[in-house]
Protein backbone atom coordinates (compact mmCIF):
# COMPACT_ATOMS: atom_id res chain seq x y z
CA MET A 1 29.09 -9.98 -21.71
CA GLU A 2 28.87 -6.24 -21.11
CA ASP A 3 28.10 -5.67 -17.44
CA TRP A 4 24.89 -3.70 -18.01
CA ARG A 5 23.21 -6.82 -19.40
CA HIS A 6 22.92 -8.15 -15.84
CA ALA A 7 19.97 -5.76 -15.41
CA GLY A 8 18.79 -4.68 -18.87
CA PHE A 9 18.08 -1.39 -20.62
CA GLY A 10 15.52 1.25 -19.68
CA LEU A 11 14.43 4.72 -20.78
CA TYR A 12 13.55 7.57 -18.41
CA ILE A 13 11.45 10.51 -19.69
CA HIS A 14 11.40 13.58 -17.44
CA TRP A 15 8.38 15.89 -17.57
CA PRO A 16 9.51 18.91 -15.53
CA PHE A 17 6.21 20.67 -14.87
CA CYS A 18 3.92 20.75 -11.82
CA GLN A 19 0.82 22.68 -10.85
CA SER A 20 2.59 23.78 -7.66
CA LYS A 21 5.88 23.14 -5.89
CA CYS A 22 5.59 20.97 -2.77
CA PRO A 23 7.60 22.35 0.18
CA TYR A 24 9.57 19.11 0.73
CA CYS A 25 10.40 18.48 -2.95
CA ASP A 26 13.95 18.85 -4.29
CA PHE A 27 13.21 17.21 -7.66
CA ASN A 28 13.70 19.17 -10.86
CA SER A 29 10.14 20.47 -11.13
CA HIS A 30 8.84 23.83 -12.27
CA VAL A 31 5.47 25.57 -12.24
CA ALA A 32 4.29 26.80 -15.64
CA THR A 33 0.91 28.15 -16.72
CA ARG A 34 1.32 27.52 -20.47
CA ILE A 35 3.13 24.58 -22.05
CA ASP A 36 3.43 23.99 -25.79
CA GLN A 37 3.16 20.22 -25.72
CA THR A 38 3.67 19.97 -29.49
CA ARG A 39 7.16 21.45 -29.17
CA TRP A 40 7.92 19.26 -26.17
CA LEU A 41 6.85 16.14 -28.04
CA ARG A 42 9.12 17.10 -30.93
CA ALA A 43 12.08 17.57 -28.59
CA PHE A 44 11.48 14.18 -26.95
CA GLU A 45 11.23 12.56 -30.39
CA LEU A 46 14.55 14.09 -31.47
CA GLU A 47 16.28 12.81 -28.33
CA ILE A 48 14.76 9.34 -28.78
CA ASP A 49 16.15 9.31 -32.32
CA ARG A 50 19.60 10.33 -31.06
CA ILE A 51 19.75 7.78 -28.25
CA GLY A 52 18.32 5.14 -30.56
CA ALA A 53 21.18 5.63 -33.00
CA LEU A 54 23.67 5.05 -30.16
CA THR A 55 21.93 1.90 -28.89
CA GLN A 56 20.88 0.12 -32.07
CA GLY A 57 19.93 -3.51 -31.66
CA ARG A 58 19.05 -3.33 -27.96
CA ILE A 59 15.90 -4.69 -26.39
CA LEU A 60 14.13 -2.01 -24.34
CA ASN A 61 12.88 -3.46 -21.06
CA THR A 62 11.25 -0.46 -19.38
CA VAL A 63 10.01 3.09 -19.93
CA PHE A 64 9.39 5.45 -17.01
CA PHE A 65 7.66 8.84 -17.22
CA GLY A 66 8.81 10.80 -14.15
CA GLY A 67 8.74 14.37 -13.01
CA GLY A 68 7.47 16.85 -12.12
CA THR A 69 3.95 15.63 -12.72
CA PRO A 70 3.76 13.48 -15.88
CA SER A 71 0.00 13.12 -15.44
CA LEU A 72 -0.23 16.73 -16.61
CA MET A 73 0.88 15.52 -20.03
CA GLU A 74 -1.83 15.21 -22.66
CA ALA A 75 -2.55 11.61 -23.61
CA ALA A 76 -1.60 12.50 -27.19
CA THR A 77 1.86 13.56 -26.00
CA VAL A 78 2.39 10.25 -24.20
CA GLN A 79 1.08 8.41 -27.28
CA GLY A 80 3.48 10.28 -29.54
CA ILE A 81 6.47 9.52 -27.33
CA LEU A 82 5.59 5.83 -27.09
CA ASP A 83 4.99 5.60 -30.83
CA ARG A 84 8.49 6.95 -31.43
CA ILE A 85 9.95 4.56 -28.87
CA ARG A 86 8.29 1.57 -30.57
CA ALA A 87 9.68 2.71 -33.92
CA THR A 88 13.20 2.99 -32.45
CA TRP A 89 13.72 -0.11 -30.29
CA THR A 90 12.37 -3.63 -30.05
CA LEU A 91 10.34 -3.74 -26.85
CA ALA A 92 10.60 -6.69 -24.49
CA ASN A 93 7.57 -8.97 -24.50
CA ASP A 94 6.94 -7.99 -20.88
CA VAL A 95 7.89 -4.32 -21.28
CA GLU A 96 6.99 -2.22 -18.24
CA ILE A 97 5.75 1.31 -19.04
CA THR A 98 5.23 3.40 -15.89
CA LEU A 99 3.80 6.88 -15.50
CA GLU A 100 3.91 8.86 -12.26
CA ALA A 101 0.62 10.56 -11.47
CA ASN A 102 -0.93 12.85 -8.91
CA PRO A 103 -4.38 11.75 -7.70
CA GLY A 104 -6.24 14.93 -8.56
CA SER A 105 -9.43 14.63 -10.60
CA VAL A 106 -7.85 16.34 -13.64
CA GLU A 107 -5.05 13.80 -13.81
CA ALA A 108 -7.29 10.78 -13.13
CA ALA A 109 -9.50 11.78 -16.07
CA ARG A 110 -6.53 11.14 -18.37
CA PHE A 111 -5.87 7.58 -17.17
CA ASP A 112 -7.83 5.85 -19.94
CA GLY A 113 -5.90 7.75 -22.60
CA TYR A 114 -2.57 6.78 -21.05
CA ALA A 115 -3.60 3.12 -20.96
CA LYS A 116 -4.61 3.23 -24.62
CA ALA A 117 -1.22 4.77 -25.42
CA GLY A 118 0.51 1.76 -23.83
CA VAL A 119 1.12 2.71 -20.19
CA ASN A 120 0.65 -0.46 -18.11
CA ARG A 121 1.79 0.70 -14.67
CA VAL A 122 1.00 3.87 -12.73
CA SER A 123 2.66 5.24 -9.59
CA LEU A 124 0.34 7.49 -7.58
CA GLY A 125 1.82 10.20 -5.35
CA ILE A 126 -0.67 9.93 -2.48
CA GLN A 127 1.92 10.97 0.18
CA SER A 128 -0.55 11.02 3.09
CA LEU A 129 -4.01 9.81 4.10
CA ASP A 130 -4.36 12.56 6.70
CA PRO A 131 -6.12 15.78 5.53
CA ASP A 132 -4.05 18.11 7.72
CA ASP A 133 -0.78 16.52 6.64
CA LEU A 134 -1.76 16.75 2.98
CA ARG A 135 -2.09 20.51 3.45
CA ARG A 136 1.25 20.71 5.31
CA LEU A 137 2.92 18.79 2.49
CA GLY A 138 1.49 21.18 -0.07
CA ARG A 139 -0.57 18.52 -1.82
CA MET A 140 -3.50 19.76 -3.89
CA HIS A 141 -5.67 16.63 -3.62
CA THR A 142 -7.92 15.41 -0.83
CA VAL A 143 -7.99 11.99 0.84
CA ASP A 144 -11.25 11.26 -0.98
CA GLU A 145 -9.69 12.16 -4.34
CA ALA A 146 -6.78 9.87 -3.53
CA ALA A 147 -9.12 6.93 -2.87
CA LYS A 148 -11.06 7.59 -6.07
CA ALA A 149 -7.85 7.88 -8.12
CA ILE A 150 -6.59 4.55 -6.75
CA ALA A 151 -9.88 2.88 -7.71
CA ILE A 152 -9.78 4.35 -11.22
CA ALA A 153 -6.13 3.36 -11.64
CA GLN A 154 -6.80 -0.22 -10.50
CA SER A 155 -9.63 -0.55 -13.03
CA THR A 156 -7.46 0.89 -15.82
CA PHE A 157 -3.89 -0.38 -15.43
CA ASP A 158 -2.36 -3.80 -14.92
CA ARG A 159 -0.22 -2.63 -12.00
CA VAL A 160 -0.59 0.23 -9.50
CA SER A 161 1.83 1.60 -6.91
CA ILE A 162 1.20 4.26 -4.29
CA ASP A 163 3.70 6.56 -2.55
CA LEU A 164 3.45 7.63 1.07
CA ILE A 165 5.70 9.83 3.23
CA TYR A 166 6.03 9.06 6.95
CA ALA A 167 7.98 10.47 9.91
CA ARG A 168 6.01 13.64 9.32
CA GLN A 169 5.50 16.53 11.70
CA ASN A 170 3.80 15.46 14.96
CA GLN A 171 3.10 11.98 13.57
CA THR A 172 2.88 9.24 16.20
CA LEU A 173 3.71 5.57 15.87
CA PRO A 174 0.06 4.45 16.34
CA ALA A 175 -1.09 6.99 13.74
CA TRP A 176 1.42 5.67 11.20
CA ARG A 177 0.37 2.07 11.97
CA ASP A 178 -3.25 2.97 11.25
CA GLU A 179 -2.40 4.91 8.09
CA LEU A 180 -0.23 2.12 6.70
CA HIS A 181 -2.97 -0.45 7.29
CA ARG A 182 -5.44 1.81 5.47
CA ALA A 183 -2.99 2.09 2.57
CA LEU A 184 -2.64 -1.69 2.41
CA ASP A 185 -6.42 -2.04 2.38
CA PHE A 186 -6.47 -0.46 -1.08
CA GLY A 187 -4.90 -3.68 -2.33
CA THR A 188 -2.21 -2.28 -4.59
CA SER A 189 0.69 -4.60 -5.34
CA HIS A 190 3.46 -2.05 -4.69
CA LEU A 191 4.12 0.60 -2.05
CA SER A 192 6.88 3.21 -1.98
CA LEU A 193 7.23 4.36 1.63
CA TYR A 194 9.67 7.20 2.27
CA GLN A 195 10.73 8.88 5.47
CA LEU A 196 10.39 12.64 5.24
CA THR A 197 13.82 14.14 4.63
CA ILE A 198 14.59 17.84 4.87
CA GLU A 199 16.53 18.87 1.78
CA ASP A 200 18.53 22.04 1.22
CA GLY A 201 16.95 24.39 -1.30
CA THR A 202 13.36 23.44 -0.42
CA VAL A 203 10.78 25.44 1.52
CA PHE A 204 11.02 22.90 4.33
CA GLY A 205 14.80 23.25 4.26
CA GLN A 206 14.53 27.01 4.67
CA MET A 207 12.01 26.65 7.49
CA HIS A 208 14.15 24.07 9.26
CA ALA A 209 17.20 26.33 9.08
CA LYS A 210 15.16 29.01 10.86
CA ASN A 211 13.83 26.54 13.44
CA LEU A 212 10.31 27.01 12.09
CA LEU A 213 9.60 23.38 11.18
CA LYS A 214 8.19 22.03 14.42
CA GLY A 215 7.27 18.52 15.46
CA LEU A 216 9.75 16.50 13.43
CA PRO A 217 10.28 13.06 15.02
CA GLU A 218 13.38 12.24 17.02
CA GLU A 219 15.79 9.71 15.53
CA ASP A 220 14.55 6.88 17.76
CA LEU A 221 10.95 7.42 16.71
CA SER A 222 11.92 7.50 13.03
CA ALA A 223 13.76 4.20 13.52
CA ASP A 224 10.70 2.72 15.24
CA MET A 225 8.52 3.82 12.33
CA PHE A 226 10.92 2.21 9.86
CA GLU A 227 10.92 -1.08 11.77
CA LEU A 228 7.13 -1.02 12.09
CA THR A 229 6.87 -0.44 8.35
CA GLN A 230 8.94 -3.55 7.66
CA GLU A 231 6.87 -5.69 10.04
CA ILE A 232 3.48 -4.60 8.70
CA THR A 233 4.32 -4.82 5.01
CA ARG A 234 6.03 -8.20 5.45
CA SER A 235 2.98 -9.57 7.23
CA ALA A 236 0.75 -8.22 4.45
CA GLY A 237 2.74 -10.04 1.75
CA LEU A 238 4.53 -6.93 0.45
CA PRO A 239 8.03 -7.29 1.91
CA ALA A 240 10.72 -4.70 1.29
CA TYR A 241 12.81 -5.52 -1.76
CA GLU A 242 14.65 -2.19 -1.45
CA VAL A 243 15.08 0.18 1.48
CA SER A 244 11.89 2.17 0.74
CA ASN A 245 10.03 -0.07 -1.71
CA HIS A 246 7.69 -2.95 -0.98
CA ALA A 247 5.93 -5.31 -3.36
CA ARG A 248 4.23 -8.61 -3.79
CA PRO A 249 6.80 -11.00 -5.27
CA GLY A 250 6.88 -10.37 -9.02
CA ASP A 251 5.45 -6.86 -8.78
CA GLU A 252 8.70 -5.02 -8.05
CA SER A 253 9.40 -1.92 -10.16
CA ARG A 254 11.41 -3.37 -13.03
CA HIS A 255 12.56 0.07 -14.10
CA ASN A 256 13.97 0.96 -10.70
CA LEU A 257 15.60 -2.47 -10.51
CA ILE A 258 17.56 -1.51 -13.62
CA TYR A 259 18.98 1.41 -11.62
CA TRP A 260 19.68 -0.61 -8.49
CA ARG A 261 21.13 -3.60 -10.37
CA MET A 262 23.21 -1.21 -12.46
CA GLY A 263 21.82 -1.76 -15.90
CA ASP A 264 21.87 0.85 -18.64
CA TYR A 265 19.27 3.59 -18.88
CA ALA A 266 18.94 6.66 -21.05
CA GLY A 267 17.61 9.85 -19.47
CA ILE A 268 15.68 12.30 -21.66
CA GLY A 269 14.31 15.65 -20.52
CA PRO A 270 15.44 18.57 -18.32
CA GLY A 271 17.71 17.41 -15.51
CA ALA A 272 17.46 13.75 -16.51
CA HIS A 273 20.38 11.49 -15.60
CA GLY A 274 21.48 8.41 -17.51
CA ARG A 275 24.04 5.61 -17.53
CA LEU A 276 24.98 4.21 -20.93
CA THR A 277 27.61 1.67 -21.95
CA LEU A 278 28.92 2.49 -25.42
CA ASP A 279 31.84 0.64 -27.03
CA SER A 280 32.48 -1.12 -23.68
CA THR A 281 32.82 2.21 -21.84
CA ARG A 282 30.22 3.35 -19.32
CA PHE A 283 29.18 6.98 -19.33
CA ALA A 284 27.19 9.17 -16.95
CA THR A 285 24.90 11.66 -18.67
CA GLU A 286 23.10 14.68 -17.24
CA ALA A 287 20.80 17.07 -19.06
CA GLU A 288 20.39 20.82 -18.62
CA ARG A 289 18.01 21.34 -15.68
CA LEU A 290 16.03 24.41 -16.79
CA PRO A 291 13.10 23.55 -19.10
CA THR A 292 13.30 26.43 -21.58
CA PRO A 293 17.06 26.19 -22.28
CA TRP A 294 16.76 22.39 -22.56
CA LEU A 295 13.87 22.67 -25.02
CA THR A 296 15.49 25.40 -27.13
CA ARG A 297 18.87 23.68 -27.37
CA THR A 298 17.40 20.24 -28.04
CA LEU A 299 15.16 21.48 -30.85
CA ALA A 300 18.14 23.23 -32.43
CA THR A 301 20.73 20.47 -31.93
CA PRO A 302 19.73 17.21 -30.23
CA GLY A 303 22.22 16.24 -27.54
CA SER A 304 23.60 19.74 -27.06
CA ALA A 305 21.78 20.13 -23.73
CA GLU A 306 23.49 17.07 -22.24
CA THR A 307 26.89 16.55 -20.60
CA THR A 308 28.66 13.19 -20.73
CA ASP A 309 31.37 11.89 -18.40
CA ARG A 310 33.32 8.65 -18.62
CA LEU A 311 33.08 6.54 -15.46
CA THR A 312 36.22 4.90 -14.07
CA ALA A 313 36.34 1.31 -12.87
CA ASP A 314 36.21 2.59 -9.30
CA ASP A 315 33.18 4.76 -10.11
CA ARG A 316 31.36 1.77 -11.57
CA ALA A 317 32.22 -0.56 -8.70
CA SER A 318 31.30 2.00 -6.02
CA GLU A 319 27.97 2.76 -7.71
CA TYR A 320 27.20 -0.93 -7.96
CA LEU A 321 27.85 -1.55 -4.28
CA MET A 322 25.94 1.57 -3.20
CA PHE A 323 22.81 0.56 -5.09
CA ALA A 324 22.99 -3.21 -4.68
CA LEU A 325 23.20 -2.98 -0.90
CA ARG A 326 19.91 -1.06 -0.92
CA LEU A 327 18.33 -4.25 -2.28
CA ARG A 328 17.37 -7.17 -0.08
CA GLU A 329 19.03 -9.47 -2.62
CA GLY A 330 22.32 -7.69 -1.96
CA ALA A 331 25.50 -7.51 -4.03
CA SER A 332 27.62 -10.05 -5.85
CA LEU A 333 31.22 -10.00 -4.62
CA SER A 334 32.52 -11.44 -7.87
CA ARG A 335 30.68 -8.82 -9.94
CA PHE A 336 32.11 -6.08 -7.73
CA ALA A 337 35.63 -7.47 -8.18
CA ALA A 338 35.17 -7.70 -11.95
CA LEU A 339 34.02 -4.07 -12.09
CA ALA A 340 36.72 -2.74 -9.76
CA GLY A 341 39.60 -4.89 -10.92
CA GLN A 342 40.15 -6.03 -7.34
CA PRO A 343 37.96 -7.51 -4.59
CA LEU A 344 36.62 -5.81 -1.52
CA SER A 345 39.04 -5.70 1.38
CA PRO A 346 38.60 -9.00 3.32
CA SER A 347 39.30 -7.23 6.61
CA ALA A 348 36.77 -4.46 5.93
CA LEU A 349 34.15 -7.02 4.95
CA ALA A 350 34.88 -9.12 8.04
CA GLY A 351 34.57 -6.02 10.21
CA VAL A 352 31.04 -5.07 9.12
CA GLU A 353 30.05 -8.74 9.17
CA ALA A 354 31.25 -9.10 12.77
CA LEU A 355 29.15 -6.08 13.75
CA GLY A 356 26.05 -7.80 12.38
CA LEU A 357 25.54 -5.16 9.69
CA VAL A 358 25.92 -7.45 6.67
CA ALA A 359 25.35 -11.15 6.09
CA ARG A 360 27.27 -13.25 3.59
CA ASP A 361 25.85 -16.16 1.60
CA GLY A 362 28.41 -17.57 -0.80
CA ASP A 363 29.15 -14.92 -3.41
CA ARG A 364 26.55 -12.45 -2.12
CA ILE A 365 26.46 -9.98 0.73
CA ARG A 366 23.38 -8.14 1.89
CA THR A 367 22.56 -5.70 4.65
CA THR A 368 20.85 -7.12 7.73
CA ASP A 369 17.71 -5.57 9.23
CA ARG A 370 20.01 -3.61 11.54
CA GLY A 371 22.48 -2.76 8.82
CA VAL A 372 19.95 -1.33 6.39
CA MET A 373 19.56 1.70 8.70
CA MET A 374 23.36 2.16 8.72
CA LEU A 375 23.98 1.82 4.99
CA ASN A 376 26.14 4.92 4.62
CA GLY A 377 28.46 3.74 7.38
CA ILE A 378 28.74 0.30 5.79
CA LEU A 379 29.67 1.81 2.44
CA ARG A 380 32.29 4.06 4.05
CA ALA A 381 33.83 1.05 5.80
CA LEU A 382 33.88 -1.14 2.69
CA LEU A 383 35.14 1.53 0.29
CA ALA A 384 37.52 3.42 2.60
CA ASP A 385 40.70 1.81 1.30
CA ARG A 386 39.73 1.64 -2.36
CA GLN A 387 41.84 3.11 -5.10
CA SER A 388 40.94 3.47 -8.73
CA ALA A 389 41.86 0.49 -10.86
CA ASP A 390 42.14 2.72 -13.93
């Protein structure tokens, strides 16, 4: 069995456009006033045809429209993409088709069209339920619009997830407790809860470098917020299944699980990444980041805007461990050894286990509640003495 079959096969579609650039965002997103969606649909169709020819006979488990702001896509564009996907692959009976959306009124008005096109899960970028923090984060919607969008989404789609950012400027622990409870009151089956990180190349990154970003929480407070998040979501029946993702059992993001369980996924669109196993060799793919060059090159010669690199056994094993240890289910030691050609160092594993950072249950290891906040250190310890098996 090819290793990717442990997790399945997914397709990621990247829509690179936003109405505005949020100051914390380091995703590949661009502001554009005019977009020829007919040309973009044609480019996506050509790439679907190309990837389909490479992956004939596969069952497609998930489709994910990410961005950028995919809810700026016309419903007809989403319909056209999904029609081409259905003509190219056999879809799993329980196929998950997710679209990321902002909760503005313009985007919410398109929800019915997306559902008719086949989207059955939506992920709403709420980010905050505090009006002042929404403005600081550069969000263009209000708290009231967020609540209305959640209600519309819940009446339209089978499954709804909402995103929130915490550890924000001047945020207190009681304020986050209250906000998280209000988010849970909406009754969605999935929450993505991210600590604010300051990334290079963002507006917040530039402000932080100049000491202009005031009120960021100290490390201890951030840790307290993380622990509180785990307690509240667990009590509400949405335990963490990944470091930042919480769901009712059975409502986990199947697409993201393909990433974290190291399945295969094709990435289509500017800046999209992919991992594909072809002829028993696993490849990393990355597309041209800038929208116009990607579009022009793809329309002229599909695939020409993408680079492909062969992954070594050590690459594959390291990626597997890095992602699997983010999951509460943890990593299989035997699968790691099969990928790497050799097992993890027994002494390194015993060392992190003795520190209470990982727990072992037969063939599986997982991070403990304490260890999940020290994941990078665990990975360094476990992979420090590794050498490529190639």
